[in-house]
Amino acid sequence: MAKIMLVDDAAFMRMMLKTTLTQAGYTDLVEAEDGAKAVELYSAEKPDLIFMDITMPNKDGLETLKEIKGMDPNATIVMCSAMGQETMVMDSIKSGAKDFIVKPFKPERILATVKKILG
């Protein structure tokens, strides 16, 4: 089964994602509370998919996306944000994100995205 990394500074958001994914059978999950930790964990864990918040302390999601894509151009990242701003969506996609999900998460949207990307 695929390894999925959840990157969000809000523990309850990571927990919501974790619950949805675990109930669907995805149990190999890695968590990071900010972009700096995500970059560090990416090298060690090599997840198949990353769900990443855009607005975080230390290193925001867009900066982290670019850094991880710089290390591994094949990294698969889905950006998440409560702000459904066109600019952020476009910047994320231009920087290599595979998709963009707006919070609050709908479990069916999360699972459809996982299925679309991982098969």
PDB file of N, CA and C in Angstrom:
ATOM      1  N   MET A   1       0.851  -1.193   0.000  1.00  0.00           N
ATOM      2  CA  MET A   1       0.000   0.000   0.000  1.00  0.00           C
ATOM      3  C   MET A   1       0.887   1.243   0.000  1.00  0.00           C
ATOM      4  N   ALA A   2       0.376   2.308  -0.538  1.00  0.00           N
ATOM      5  CA  ALA A   2       1.126   3.555  -0.688  1.00  0.00           C
ATOM      6  C   ALA A   2       1.436   4.226   0.654  1.00  0.00           C
ATOM      7  N   LYS A   3       2.571   4.935   0.678  1.00  0.00           N
ATOM      8  CA  LYS A   3       2.939   5.736   1.843  1.00  0.00           C
ATOM      9  C   LYS A   3       2.516   7.172   1.551  1.00  0.00           C
ATOM     10  N   ILE A   4       1.772   7.772   2.485  1.00  0.00           N
ATOM     11  CA  ILE A   4       1.241   9.125   2.299  1.00  0.00           C
ATOM     12  C   ILE A   4       1.719  10.017   3.443  1.00  0.00           C
ATOM     13  N   MET A   5       2.228  11.203   3.086  1.00  0.00           N
ATOM     14  CA  MET A   5       2.656  12.176   4.095  1.00  0.00           C
ATOM     15  C   MET A   5       1.605  13.272   4.223  1.00  0.00           C
ATOM     16  N   LEU A   6       1.292  13.622   5.470  1.00  0.00           N
ATOM     17  CA  LEU A   6       0.327  14.676   5.776  1.00  0.00           C
ATOM     18  C   LEU A   6       1.090  15.836   6.397  1.00  0.00           C
ATOM     19  N   VAL A   7       1.044  16.999   5.733  1.00  0.00           N
ATOM     20  CA  VAL A   7       1.798  18.159   6.209  1.00  0.00           C
ATOM     21  C   VAL A   7       0.828  19.311   6.479  1.00  0.00           C
ATOM     22  N   ASP A   8       0.656  19.634   7.749  1.00  0.00           N
ATOM     23  CA  ASP A   8      -0.242  20.725   8.146  1.00  0.00           C
ATOM     24  C   ASP A   8       0.142  21.136   9.556  1.00  0.00           C
ATOM     25  N   ASP A   9       0.171  22.442   9.816  1.00  0.00           N
ATOM     26  CA  ASP A   9       0.518  22.905  11.156  1.00  0.00           C
ATOM     27  C   ASP A   9      -0.619  22.670  12.147  1.00  0.00           C
ATOM     28  N   ALA A  10      -1.837  22.436  11.662  1.00  0.00           N
ATOM     29  CA  ALA A  10      -2.983  22.179  12.538  1.00  0.00           C
ATOM     30  C   ALA A  10      -3.121  20.665  12.760  1.00  0.00           C
ATOM     31  N   ALA A  11      -2.899  20.245  14.000  1.00  0.00           N
ATOM     32  CA  ALA A  11      -2.962  18.811  14.335  1.00  0.00           C
ATOM     33  C   ALA A  11      -4.331  18.223  13.996  1.00  0.00           C
ATOM     34  N   PHE A  12      -5.408  18.996  14.206  1.00  0.00           N
ATOM     35  CA  PHE A  12      -6.750  18.458  13.933  1.00  0.00           C
ATOM     36  C   PHE A  12      -6.967  18.220  12.433  1.00  0.00           C
ATOM     37  N   MET A  13      -6.315  19.003  11.578  1.00  0.00           N
ATOM     38  CA  MET A  13      -6.424  18.786  10.134  1.00  0.00           C
ATOM     39  C   MET A  13      -5.676  17.509   9.735  1.00  0.00           C
ATOM     40  N   ARG A  14      -4.504  17.309  10.320  1.00  0.00           N
ATOM     41  CA  ARG A  14      -3.767  16.065  10.067  1.00  0.00           C
ATOM     42  C   ARG A  14      -4.596  14.871  10.540  1.00  0.00           C
ATOM     43  N   MET A  15      -5.251  15.033  11.694  1.00  0.00           N
ATOM     44  CA  MET A  15      -6.063  13.950  12.249  1.00  0.00           C
ATOM     45  C   MET A  15      -7.262  13.650  11.346  1.00  0.00           C
ATOM     46  N   MET A  16      -7.896  14.685  10.804  1.00  0.00           N
ATOM     47  CA  MET A  16      -9.032  14.476   9.895  1.00  0.00           C
ATOM     48  C   MET A  16      -8.590  13.695   8.655  1.00  0.00           C
ATOM     49  N   LEU A  17      -7.481  14.097   8.062  1.00  0.00           N
ATOM     50  CA  LEU A  17      -6.940  13.396   6.900  1.00  0.00           C
ATOM     51  C   LEU A  17      -6.574  11.962   7.261  1.00  0.00           C
ATOM     52  N   LYS A  18      -5.907  11.816   8.392  1.00  0.00           N
ATOM     53  CA  LYS A  18      -5.456  10.502   8.847  1.00  0.00           C
ATOM     54  C   LYS A  18      -6.649   9.558   9.038  1.00  0.00           C
ATOM     55  N   THR A  19      -7.700  10.042   9.672  1.00  0.00           N
ATOM     56  CA  THR A  19      -8.897   9.235   9.905  1.00  0.00           C
ATOM     57  C   THR A  19      -9.523   8.796   8.589  1.00  0.00           C
ATOM     58  N   THR A  20      -9.696   9.737   7.660  1.00  0.00           N
ATOM     59  CA  THR A  20     -10.281   9.426   6.349  1.00  0.00           C
ATOM     60  C   THR A  20      -9.450   8.374   5.619  1.00  0.00           C
ATOM     61  N   LEU A  21      -8.138   8.567   5.593  1.00  0.00           N
ATOM     62  CA  LEU A  21      -7.257   7.654   4.866  1.00  0.00           C
ATOM     63  C   LEU A  21      -7.179   6.278   5.536  1.00  0.00           C
ATOM     64  N   THR A  22      -7.093   6.260   6.862  1.00  0.00           N
ATOM     65  CA  THR A  22      -7.009   4.999   7.598  1.00  0.00           C
ATOM     66  C   THR A  22      -8.272   4.168   7.391  1.00  0.00           C
ATOM     67  N   GLN A  23      -9.438   4.822   7.443  1.00  0.00           N
ATOM     68  CA  GLN A  23     -10.706   4.110   7.238  1.00  0.00           C
ATOM     69  C   GLN A  23     -10.794   3.522   5.826  1.00  0.00           C
ATOM     70  N   ALA A  24     -10.058   4.112   4.887  1.00  0.00           N
ATOM     71  CA  ALA A  24     -10.058   3.615   3.505  1.00  0.00           C
ATOM     72  C   ALA A  24      -8.949   2.586   3.279  1.00  0.00           C
ATOM     73  N   GLY A  25      -8.202   2.264   4.344  1.00  0.00           N
ATOM     74  CA  GLY A  25      -7.181   1.236   4.229  1.00  0.00           C
ATOM     75  C   GLY A  25      -5.761   1.734   4.030  1.00  0.00           C
ATOM     76  N   TYR A  26      -5.579   3.056   4.002  1.00  0.00           N
ATOM     77  CA  TYR A  26      -4.226   3.620   3.860  1.00  0.00           C
ATOM     78  C   TYR A  26      -3.661   3.810   5.267  1.00  0.00           C
ATOM     79  N   THR A  27      -2.744   2.940   5.655  1.00  0.00           N
ATOM     80  CA  THR A  27      -2.240   2.986   7.026  1.00  0.00           C
ATOM     81  C   THR A  27      -0.778   3.403   7.134  1.00  0.00           C
ATOM     82  N   ASP A  28      -0.071   3.452   6.003  1.00  0.00           N
ATOM     83  CA  ASP A  28       1.330   3.866   6.029  1.00  0.00           C
ATOM     84  C   ASP A  28       1.382   5.385   5.879  1.00  0.00           C
ATOM     85  N   LEU A  29       1.182   6.074   7.009  1.00  0.00           N
ATOM     86  CA  LEU A  29       1.070   7.533   7.012  1.00  0.00           C
ATOM     87  C   LEU A  29       2.205   8.160   7.821  1.00  0.00           C
ATOM     88  N   VAL A  30       2.706   9.280   7.312  1.00  0.00           N
ATOM     89  CA  VAL A  30       3.768  10.030   7.963  1.00  0.00           C
ATOM     90  C   VAL A  30       3.236  11.447   8.150  1.00  0.00           C
ATOM     91  N   GLU A  31       3.528  12.058   9.296  1.00  0.00           N
ATOM     92  CA  GLU A  31       3.026  13.409   9.557  1.00  0.00           C
ATOM     93  C   GLU A  31       4.154  14.404   9.792  1.00  0.00           C
ATOM     94  N   ALA A  32       3.926  15.639   9.316  1.00  0.00           N
ATOM     95  CA  ALA A  32       4.856  16.743   9.572  1.00  0.00           C
ATOM     96  C   ALA A  32       4.035  17.974   9.913  1.00  0.00           C
ATOM     97  N   GLU A  33       4.516  18.752  10.884  1.00  0.00           N
ATOM     98  CA  GLU A  33       3.768  19.923  11.344  1.00  0.00           C
ATOM     99  C   GLU A  33       4.160  21.221  10.644  1.00  0.00           C
ATOM    100  N   ASP A  34       5.188  21.167   9.795  1.00  0.00           N
ATOM    101  CA  ASP A  34       5.550  22.356   9.022  1.00  0.00           C
ATOM    102  C   ASP A  34       6.407  21.948   7.825  1.00  0.00           C
ATOM    103  N   GLY A  35       6.704  22.917   6.974  1.00  0.00           N
ATOM    104  CA  GLY A  35       7.446  22.640   5.760  1.00  0.00           C
ATOM    105  C   GLY A  35       8.867  22.157   5.997  1.00  0.00           C
ATOM    106  N   ALA A  36       9.522  22.721   7.001  1.00  0.00           N
ATOM    107  CA  ALA A  36      10.902  22.321   7.297  1.00  0.00           C
ATOM    108  C   ALA A  36      10.954  20.837   7.666  1.00  0.00           C
ATOM    109  N   LYS A  37      10.026  20.398   8.499  1.00  0.00           N
ATOM    110  CA  LYS A  37       9.955  18.991   8.915  1.00  0.00           C
ATOM    111  C   LYS A  37       9.582  18.120   7.707  1.00  0.00           C
ATOM    112  N   ALA A  38       8.722  18.606   6.836  1.00  0.00           N
ATOM    113  CA  ALA A  38       8.302  17.848   5.650  1.00  0.00           C
ATOM    114  C   ALA A  38       9.495  17.566   4.733  1.00  0.00           C
ATOM    115  N   VAL A  39      10.338  18.567   4.528  1.00  0.00           N
ATOM    116  CA  VAL A  39      11.518  18.394   3.667  1.00  0.00           C
ATOM    117  C   VAL A  39      12.439  17.343   4.285  1.00  0.00           C
ATOM    118  N   GLU A  40      12.652  17.448   5.592  1.00  0.00           N
ATOM    119  CA  GLU A  40      13.499  16.511   6.323  1.00  0.00           C
ATOM    120  C   GLU A  40      12.931  15.076   6.211  1.00  0.00           C
ATOM    121  N   LEU A  41      11.622  14.937   6.444  1.00  0.00           N
ATOM    122  CA  LEU A  41      10.984  13.616   6.389  1.00  0.00           C
ATOM    123  C   LEU A  41      10.912  13.057   4.971  1.00  0.00           C
ATOM    124  N   TYR A  42      10.767  13.935   3.981  1.00  0.00           N
ATOM    125  CA  TYR A  42      10.658  13.457   2.599  1.00  0.00           C
ATOM    126  C   TYR A  42      11.892  12.639   2.218  1.00  0.00           C
ATOM    127  N   SER A  43      13.054  13.151   2.547  1.00  0.00           N
ATOM    128  CA  SER A  43      14.300  12.451   2.225  1.00  0.00           C
ATOM    129  C   SER A  43      14.361  11.077   2.872  1.00  0.00           C
ATOM    130  N   ALA A  44      13.910  10.993   4.113  1.00  0.00           N
ATOM    131  CA  ALA A  44      13.975   9.736   4.855  1.00  0.00           C
ATOM    132  C   ALA A  44      12.867   8.758   4.468  1.00  0.00           C
ATOM    133  N   GLU A  45      11.664   9.276   4.240  1.00  0.00           N
ATOM    134  CA  GLU A  45      10.493   8.417   4.052  1.00  0.00           C
ATOM    135  C   GLU A  45      10.114   8.122   2.602  1.00  0.00           C
ATOM    136  N   LYS A  46      10.440   9.023   1.693  1.00  0.00           N
ATOM    137  CA  LYS A  46      10.075   8.886   0.269  1.00  0.00           C
ATOM    138  C   LYS A  46       8.599   8.489   0.072  1.00  0.00           C
ATOM    139  N   PRO A  47       7.664   9.338   0.538  1.00  0.00           N
ATOM    140  CA  PRO A  47       6.246   8.999   0.393  1.00  0.00           C
ATOM    141  C   PRO A  47       5.798   9.002  -1.070  1.00  0.00           C
ATOM    142  N   ASP A  48       4.758   8.236  -1.365  1.00  0.00           N
ATOM    143  CA  ASP A  48       4.205   8.161  -2.721  1.00  0.00           C
ATOM    144  C   ASP A  48       3.329   9.375  -3.031  1.00  0.00           C
ATOM    145  N   LEU A  49       2.798   9.994  -1.967  1.00  0.00           N
ATOM    146  CA  LEU A  49       1.889  11.130  -2.114  1.00  0.00           C
ATOM    147  C   LEU A  49       2.002  12.014  -0.888  1.00  0.00           C
ATOM    148  N   ILE A  50       1.916  13.332  -1.102  1.00  0.00           N
ATOM    149  CA  ILE A  50       1.948  14.288   0.009  1.00  0.00           C
ATOM    150  C   ILE A  50       0.717  15.185  -0.084  1.00  0.00           C
ATOM    151  N   PHE A  51      -0.001  15.327   1.036  1.00  0.00           N
ATOM    152  CA  PHE A  51      -1.052  16.338   1.167  1.00  0.00           C
ATOM    153  C   PHE A  51      -0.413  17.443   1.990  1.00  0.00           C
ATOM    154  N   MET A  52      -0.346  18.670   1.431  1.00  0.00           N
ATOM    155  CA  MET A  52       0.371  19.743   2.109  1.00  0.00           C
ATOM    156  C   MET A  52      -0.424  21.035   2.172  1.00  0.00           C
ATOM    157  N   ASP A  53      -0.500  21.573   3.387  1.00  0.00           N
ATOM    158  CA  ASP A  53      -1.142  22.861   3.617  1.00  0.00           C
ATOM    159  C   ASP A  53      -0.269  23.953   2.997  1.00  0.00           C
ATOM    160  N   ILE A  54      -0.886  25.051   2.579  1.00  0.00           N
ATOM    161  CA  ILE A  54      -0.112  26.149   2.013  1.00  0.00           C
ATOM    162  C   ILE A  54       0.385  27.087   3.107  1.00  0.00           C
ATOM    163  N   THR A  55      -0.484  27.419   4.053  1.00  0.00           N
ATOM    164  CA  THR A  55      -0.126  28.396   5.078  1.00  0.00           C
ATOM    165  C   THR A  55       0.377  27.695   6.334  1.00  0.00           C
ATOM    166  N   MET A  56       1.700  27.772   6.551  1.00  0.00           N
ATOM    167  CA  MET A  56       2.327  27.137   7.718  1.00  0.00           C
ATOM    168  C   MET A  56       3.480  28.000   8.207  1.00  0.00           C
ATOM    169  N   PRO A  57       3.843  27.854   9.505  1.00  0.00           N
ATOM    170  CA  PRO A  57       5.010  28.580  10.015  1.00  0.00           C
ATOM    171  C   PRO A  57       6.308  27.912   9.539  1.00  0.00           C
ATOM    172  N   ASN A  58       7.417  28.580   9.750  1.00  0.00           N
ATOM    173  CA  ASN A  58       8.777  28.108   9.426  1.00  0.00           C
ATOM    174  C   ASN A  58       9.046  28.055   7.924  1.00  0.00           C
ATOM    175  N   LYS A  59       8.224  27.330   7.179  1.00  0.00           N
ATOM    176  CA  LYS A  59       8.378  27.246   5.734  1.00  0.00           C
ATOM    177  C   LYS A  59       6.999  26.953   5.179  1.00  0.00           C
ATOM    178  N   ASP A  60       6.465  27.862   4.346  1.00  0.00           N
ATOM    179  CA  ASP A  60       5.105  27.649   3.852  1.00  0.00           C
ATOM    180  C   ASP A  60       5.054  26.526   2.806  1.00  0.00           C
ATOM    181  N   GLY A  61       3.838  26.138   2.469  1.00  0.00           N
ATOM    182  CA  GLY A  61       3.645  25.008   1.573  1.00  0.00           C
ATOM    183  C   GLY A  61       4.200  25.206   0.180  1.00  0.00           C
ATOM    184  N   LEU A  62       4.091  26.423  -0.349  1.00  0.00           N
ATOM    185  CA  LEU A  62       4.582  26.689  -1.703  1.00  0.00           C
ATOM    186  C   LEU A  62       6.110  26.576  -1.758  1.00  0.00           C
ATOM    187  N   GLU A  63       6.769  27.125  -0.751  1.00  0.00           N
ATOM    188  CA  GLU A  63       8.232  27.042  -0.653  1.00  0.00           C
ATOM    189  C   GLU A  63       8.664  25.576  -0.488  1.00  0.00           C
ATOM    190  N   THR A  64       7.929  24.846   0.335  1.00  0.00           N
ATOM    191  CA  THR A  64       8.222  23.428   0.575  1.00  0.00           C
ATOM    192  C   THR A  64       7.998  22.601  -0.685  1.00  0.00           C
ATOM    193  N   LEU A  65       6.910  22.890  -1.392  1.00  0.00           N
ATOM    194  CA  LEU A  65       6.615  22.216  -2.668  1.00  0.00           C
ATOM    195  C   LEU A  65       7.801  22.368  -3.620  1.00  0.00           C
ATOM    196  N   LYS A  66       8.271  23.607  -3.772  1.00  0.00           N
ATOM    197  CA  LYS A  66       9.393  23.874  -4.685  1.00  0.00           C
ATOM    198  C   LYS A  66      10.669  23.161  -4.234  1.00  0.00           C
ATOM    199  N   GLU A  67      10.911  23.141  -2.925  1.00  0.00           N
ATOM    200  CA  GLU A  67      12.119  22.496  -2.407  1.00  0.00           C
ATOM    201  C   GLU A  67      12.072  20.971  -2.628  1.00  0.00           C
ATOM    202  N   ILE A  68      10.930  20.365  -2.336  1.00  0.00           N
ATOM    203  CA  ILE A  68      10.800  18.913  -2.528  1.00  0.00           C
ATOM    204  C   ILE A  68      10.872  18.560  -4.010  1.00  0.00           C
ATOM    205  N   LYS A  69      10.215  19.352  -4.865  1.00  0.00           N
ATOM    206  CA  LYS A  69      10.271  19.100  -6.316  1.00  0.00           C
ATOM    207  C   LYS A  69      11.704  19.288  -6.833  1.00  0.00           C
ATOM    208  N   GLY A  70      12.463  20.174  -6.197  1.00  0.00           N
ATOM    209  CA  GLY A  70      13.858  20.375  -6.563  1.00  0.00           C
ATOM    210  C   GLY A  70      14.707  19.151  -6.225  1.00  0.00           C
ATOM    211  N   MET A  71      14.380  18.508  -5.111  1.00  0.00           N
ATOM    212  CA  MET A  71      15.092  17.290  -4.688  1.00  0.00           C
ATOM    213  C   MET A  71      14.644  16.092  -5.522  1.00  0.00           C
ATOM    214  N   ASP A  72      13.333  16.047  -5.809  1.00  0.00           N
ATOM    215  CA  ASP A  72      12.758  14.916  -6.527  1.00  0.00           C
ATOM    216  C   ASP A  72      11.651  15.421  -7.456  1.00  0.00           C
ATOM    217  N   PRO A  73      11.978  15.616  -8.729  1.00  0.00           N
ATOM    218  CA  PRO A  73      10.986  16.119  -9.691  1.00  0.00           C
ATOM    219  C   PRO A  73       9.753  15.222  -9.831  1.00  0.00           C
ATOM    220  N   ASN A  74       9.866  13.961  -9.409  1.00  0.00           N
ATOM    221  CA  ASN A  74       8.737  13.038  -9.500  1.00  0.00           C
ATOM    222  C   ASN A  74       7.861  13.017  -8.253  1.00  0.00           C
ATOM    223  N   ALA A  75       8.176  13.846  -7.259  1.00  0.00           N
ATOM    224  CA  ALA A  75       7.367  13.888  -6.032  1.00  0.00           C
ATOM    225  C   ALA A  75       5.929  14.260  -6.390  1.00  0.00           C
ATOM    226  N   THR A  76       4.971  13.589  -5.745  1.00  0.00           N
ATOM    227  CA  THR A  76       3.552  13.822  -6.015  1.00  0.00           C
ATOM    228  C   THR A  76       2.952  14.559  -4.827  1.00  0.00           C
ATOM    229  N   ILE A  77       2.563  15.819  -5.069  1.00  0.00           N
ATOM    230  CA  ILE A  77       2.094  16.683  -3.988  1.00  0.00           C
ATOM    231  C   ILE A  77       0.735  17.282  -4.332  1.00  0.00           C
ATOM    232  N   VAL A  78      -0.181  17.209  -3.347  1.00  0.00           N
ATOM    233  CA  VAL A  78      -1.495  17.824  -3.463  1.00  0.00           C
ATOM    234  C   VAL A  78      -1.537  18.931  -2.415  1.00  0.00           C
ATOM    235  N   MET A  79      -1.787  20.149  -2.846  1.00  0.00           N
ATOM    236  CA  MET A  79      -1.823  21.282  -1.927  1.00  0.00           C
ATOM    237  C   MET A  79      -3.220  21.435  -1.326  1.00  0.00           C
ATOM    238  N   CYS A  80      -3.247  21.889  -0.070  1.00  0.00           N
ATOM    239  CA  CYS A  80      -4.507  22.079   0.650  1.00  0.00           C
ATOM    240  C   CYS A  80      -4.496  23.469   1.288  1.00  0.00           C
ATOM    241  N   SER A  81      -5.632  24.142   1.239  1.00  0.00           N
ATOM    242  CA  SER A  81      -5.708  25.441   1.881  1.00  0.00           C
ATOM    243  C   SER A  81      -7.145  25.840   2.130  1.00  0.00           C
ATOM    244  N   ALA A  82      -7.359  26.574   3.203  1.00  0.00           N
ATOM    245  CA  ALA A  82      -8.687  27.098   3.506  1.00  0.00           C
ATOM    246  C   ALA A  82      -8.977  28.275   2.578  1.00  0.00           C
ATOM    247  N   MET A  83      -7.914  28.837   2.019  1.00  0.00           N
ATOM    248  CA  MET A  83      -8.093  29.973   1.131  1.00  0.00           C
ATOM    249  C   MET A  83      -8.152  29.468  -0.302  1.00  0.00           C
ATOM    250  N   GLY A  84      -9.307  29.553  -0.931  1.00  0.00           N
ATOM    251  CA  GLY A  84      -9.436  29.066  -2.294  1.00  0.00           C
ATOM    252  C   GLY A  84      -9.061  30.147  -3.287  1.00  0.00           C
ATOM    253  N   GLN A  85      -7.931  30.785  -3.076  1.00  0.00           N
ATOM    254  CA  GLN A  85      -7.520  31.896  -3.934  1.00  0.00           C
ATOM    255  C   GLN A  85      -6.934  31.397  -5.246  1.00  0.00           C
ATOM    256  N   GLU A  86      -7.380  31.990  -6.322  1.00  0.00           N
ATOM    257  CA  GLU A  86      -6.925  31.624  -7.663  1.00  0.00           C
ATOM    258  C   GLU A  86      -5.399  31.681  -7.796  1.00  0.00           C
ATOM    259  N   THR A  87      -4.791  32.715  -7.240  1.00  0.00           N
ATOM    260  CA  THR A  87      -3.351  32.894  -7.365  1.00  0.00           C
ATOM    261  C   THR A  87      -2.587  31.736  -6.735  1.00  0.00           C
ATOM    262  N   MET A  88      -3.023  31.338  -5.547  1.00  0.00           N
ATOM    263  CA  MET A  88      -2.351  30.240  -4.850  1.00  0.00           C
ATOM    264  C   MET A  88      -2.524  28.932  -5.609  1.00  0.00           C
ATOM    265  N   VAL A  89      -3.711  28.710  -6.138  1.00  0.00           N
ATOM    266  CA  VAL A  89      -3.971  27.500  -6.915  1.00  0.00           C
ATOM    267  C   VAL A  89      -3.042  27.482  -8.125  1.00  0.00           C
ATOM    268  N   MET A  90      -2.981  28.587  -8.858  1.00  0.00           N
ATOM    269  CA  MET A  90      -2.147  28.666 -10.058  1.00  0.00           C
ATOM    270  C   MET A  90      -0.663  28.516  -9.717  1.00  0.00           C
ATOM    271  N   ASP A  91      -0.206  29.182  -8.651  1.00  0.00           N
ATOM    272  CA  ASP A  91       1.194  29.079  -8.236  1.00  0.00           C
ATOM    273  C   ASP A  91       1.541  27.639  -7.868  1.00  0.00           C
ATOM    274  N   SER A  92       0.631  26.974  -7.176  1.00  0.00           N
ATOM    275  CA  SER A  92       0.859  25.581  -6.773  1.00  0.00           C
ATOM    276  C   SER A  92       0.972  24.672  -7.990  1.00  0.00           C
ATOM    277  N   ILE A  93       0.051  24.823  -8.921  1.00  0.00           N
ATOM    278  CA  ILE A  93       0.048  23.981 -10.118  1.00  0.00           C
ATOM    279  C   ILE A  93       1.301  24.262 -10.971  1.00  0.00           C
ATOM    280  N   LYS A  94       1.631  25.547 -11.137  1.00  0.00           N
ATOM    281  CA  LYS A  94       2.832  25.919 -11.907  1.00  0.00           C
ATOM    282  C   LYS A  94       4.099  25.366 -11.272  1.00  0.00           C
ATOM    283  N   SER A  95       4.081  25.249  -9.944  1.00  0.00           N
ATOM    284  CA  SER A  95       5.256  24.761  -9.218  1.00  0.00           C
ATOM    285  C   SER A  95       5.300  23.236  -9.140  1.00  0.00           C
ATOM    286  N   GLY A  96       4.301  22.568  -9.718  1.00  0.00           N
ATOM    287  CA  GLY A  96       4.361  21.119  -9.801  1.00  0.00           C
ATOM    288  C   GLY A  96       3.359  20.334  -8.983  1.00  0.00           C
ATOM    289  N   ALA A  97       2.435  21.019  -8.290  1.00  0.00           N
ATOM    290  CA  ALA A  97       1.415  20.282  -7.538  1.00  0.00           C
ATOM    291  C   ALA A  97       0.501  19.539  -8.510  1.00  0.00           C
ATOM    292  N   LYS A  98       0.073  18.340  -8.124  1.00  0.00           N
ATOM    293  CA  LYS A  98      -0.802  17.529  -8.970  1.00  0.00           C
ATOM    294  C   LYS A  98      -2.256  17.951  -8.849  1.00  0.00           C
ATOM    295  N   ASP A  99      -2.616  18.533  -7.693  1.00  0.00           N
ATOM    296  CA  ASP A  99      -4.012  18.898  -7.453  1.00  0.00           C
ATOM    297  C   ASP A  99      -4.047  19.907  -6.317  1.00  0.00           C
ATOM    298  N   PHE A 100      -5.232  20.450  -6.059  1.00  0.00           N
ATOM    299  CA  PHE A 100      -5.424  21.444  -5.015  1.00  0.00           C
ATOM    300  C   PHE A 100      -6.770  21.163  -4.360  1.00  0.00           C
ATOM    301  N   ILE A 101      -6.775  21.001  -3.047  1.00  0.00           N
ATOM    302  CA  ILE A 101      -8.009  20.717  -2.315  1.00  0.00           C
ATOM    303  C   ILE A 101      -8.271  21.854  -1.342  1.00  0.00           C
ATOM    304  N   VAL A 102      -9.516  22.325  -1.327  1.00  0.00           N
ATOM    305  CA  VAL A 102      -9.899  23.418  -0.439  1.00  0.00           C
ATOM    306  C   VAL A 102     -10.472  22.843   0.861  1.00  0.00           C
ATOM    307  N   LYS A 103     -10.023  23.403   1.981  1.00  0.00           N
ATOM    308  CA  LYS A 103     -10.551  23.026   3.299  1.00  0.00           C
ATOM    309  C   LYS A 103     -11.888  23.733   3.494  1.00  0.00           C
ATOM    310  N   PRO A 104     -12.804  23.197   4.277  1.00  0.00           N
ATOM    311  CA  PRO A 104     -12.706  21.926   5.003  1.00  0.00           C
ATOM    312  C   PRO A 104     -12.782  20.735   4.050  1.00  0.00           C
ATOM    313  N   PHE A 105     -12.032  19.701   4.391  1.00  0.00           N
ATOM    314  CA  PHE A 105     -11.957  18.520   3.548  1.00  0.00           C
ATOM    315  C   PHE A 105     -13.259  17.743   3.531  1.00  0.00           C
ATOM    316  N   LYS A 106     -13.594  17.250   2.366  1.00  0.00           N
ATOM    317  CA  LYS A 106     -14.696  16.306   2.249  1.00  0.00           C
ATOM    318  C   LYS A 106     -14.028  14.947   2.026  1.00  0.00           C
ATOM    319  N   PRO A 107     -14.325  13.954   2.867  1.00  0.00           N
ATOM    320  CA  PRO A 107     -13.664  12.650   2.746  1.00  0.00           C
ATOM    321  C   PRO A 107     -13.711  12.070   1.333  1.00  0.00           C
ATOM    322  N   GLU A 108     -14.848  12.204   0.650  1.00  0.00           N
ATOM    323  CA  GLU A 108     -14.949  11.641  -0.703  1.00  0.00           C
ATOM    324  C   GLU A 108     -14.001  12.336  -1.683  1.00  0.00           C
ATOM    325  N   ARG A 109     -13.738  13.623  -1.474  1.00  0.00           N
ATOM    326  CA  ARG A 109     -12.809  14.369  -2.344  1.00  0.00           C
ATOM    327  C   ARG A 109     -11.370  13.898  -2.097  1.00  0.00           C
ATOM    328  N   ILE A 110     -11.033  13.693  -0.836  1.00  0.00           N
ATOM    329  CA  ILE A 110      -9.689  13.197  -0.484  1.00  0.00           C
ATOM    330  C   ILE A 110      -9.455  11.838  -1.127  1.00  0.00           C
ATOM    331  N   LEU A 111     -10.400  10.933  -0.950  1.00  0.00           N
ATOM    332  CA  LEU A 111     -10.244   9.566  -1.478  1.00  0.00           C
ATOM    333  C   LEU A 111     -10.250   9.536  -3.002  1.00  0.00           C
ATOM    334  N   ALA A 112     -11.059  10.392  -3.617  1.00  0.00           N
ATOM    335  CA  ALA A 112     -11.076  10.453  -5.102  1.00  0.00           C
ATOM    336  C   ALA A 112      -9.718  10.930  -5.609  1.00  0.00           C
ATOM    337  N   THR A 113      -9.120  11.882  -4.911  1.00  0.00           N
ATOM    338  CA  THR A 113      -7.802  12.405  -5.292  1.00  0.00           C
ATOM    339  C   THR A 113      -6.738  11.322  -5.146  1.00  0.00           C
ATOM    340  N   VAL A 114      -6.770  10.600  -4.025  1.00  0.00           N
ATOM    341  CA  VAL A 114      -5.799   9.514  -3.806  1.00  0.00           C
ATOM    342  C   VAL A 114      -5.941   8.471  -4.917  1.00  0.00           C
ATOM    343  N   LYS A 115      -7.176   8.086  -5.186  1.00  0.00           N
ATOM    344  CA  LYS A 115      -7.423   7.054  -6.197  1.00  0.00           C
ATOM    345  C   LYS A 115      -6.971   7.526  -7.585  1.00  0.00           C
ATOM    346  N   LYS A 116      -7.255   8.791  -7.907  1.00  0.00           N
ATOM    347  CA  LYS A 116      -6.874   9.347  -9.209  1.00  0.00           C
ATOM    348  C   LYS A 116      -5.346   9.355  -9.374  1.00  0.00           C
ATOM    349  N   ILE A 117      -4.648   9.721  -8.309  1.00  0.00           N
ATOM    350  CA  ILE A 117      -3.192   9.857  -8.397  1.00  0.00           C
ATOM    351  C   ILE A 117      -2.459   8.525  -8.227  1.00  0.00           C
ATOM    352  N   LEU A 118      -2.890   7.718  -7.287  1.00  0.00           N
ATOM    353  CA  LEU A 118      -2.175   6.470  -7.004  1.00  0.00           C
ATOM    354  C   LEU A 118      -2.769   5.248  -7.719  1.00  0.00           C
ATOM    355  N   GLY A 119      -3.991   5.415  -8.231  1.00  0.00           N
ATOM    356  CA  GLY A 119      -4.625   4.297  -8.938  1.00  0.00           C
ATOM    357  C   GLY A 119      -5.359   3.345  -8.037  1.00  0.00           C
TER     358      GLY A 119
END
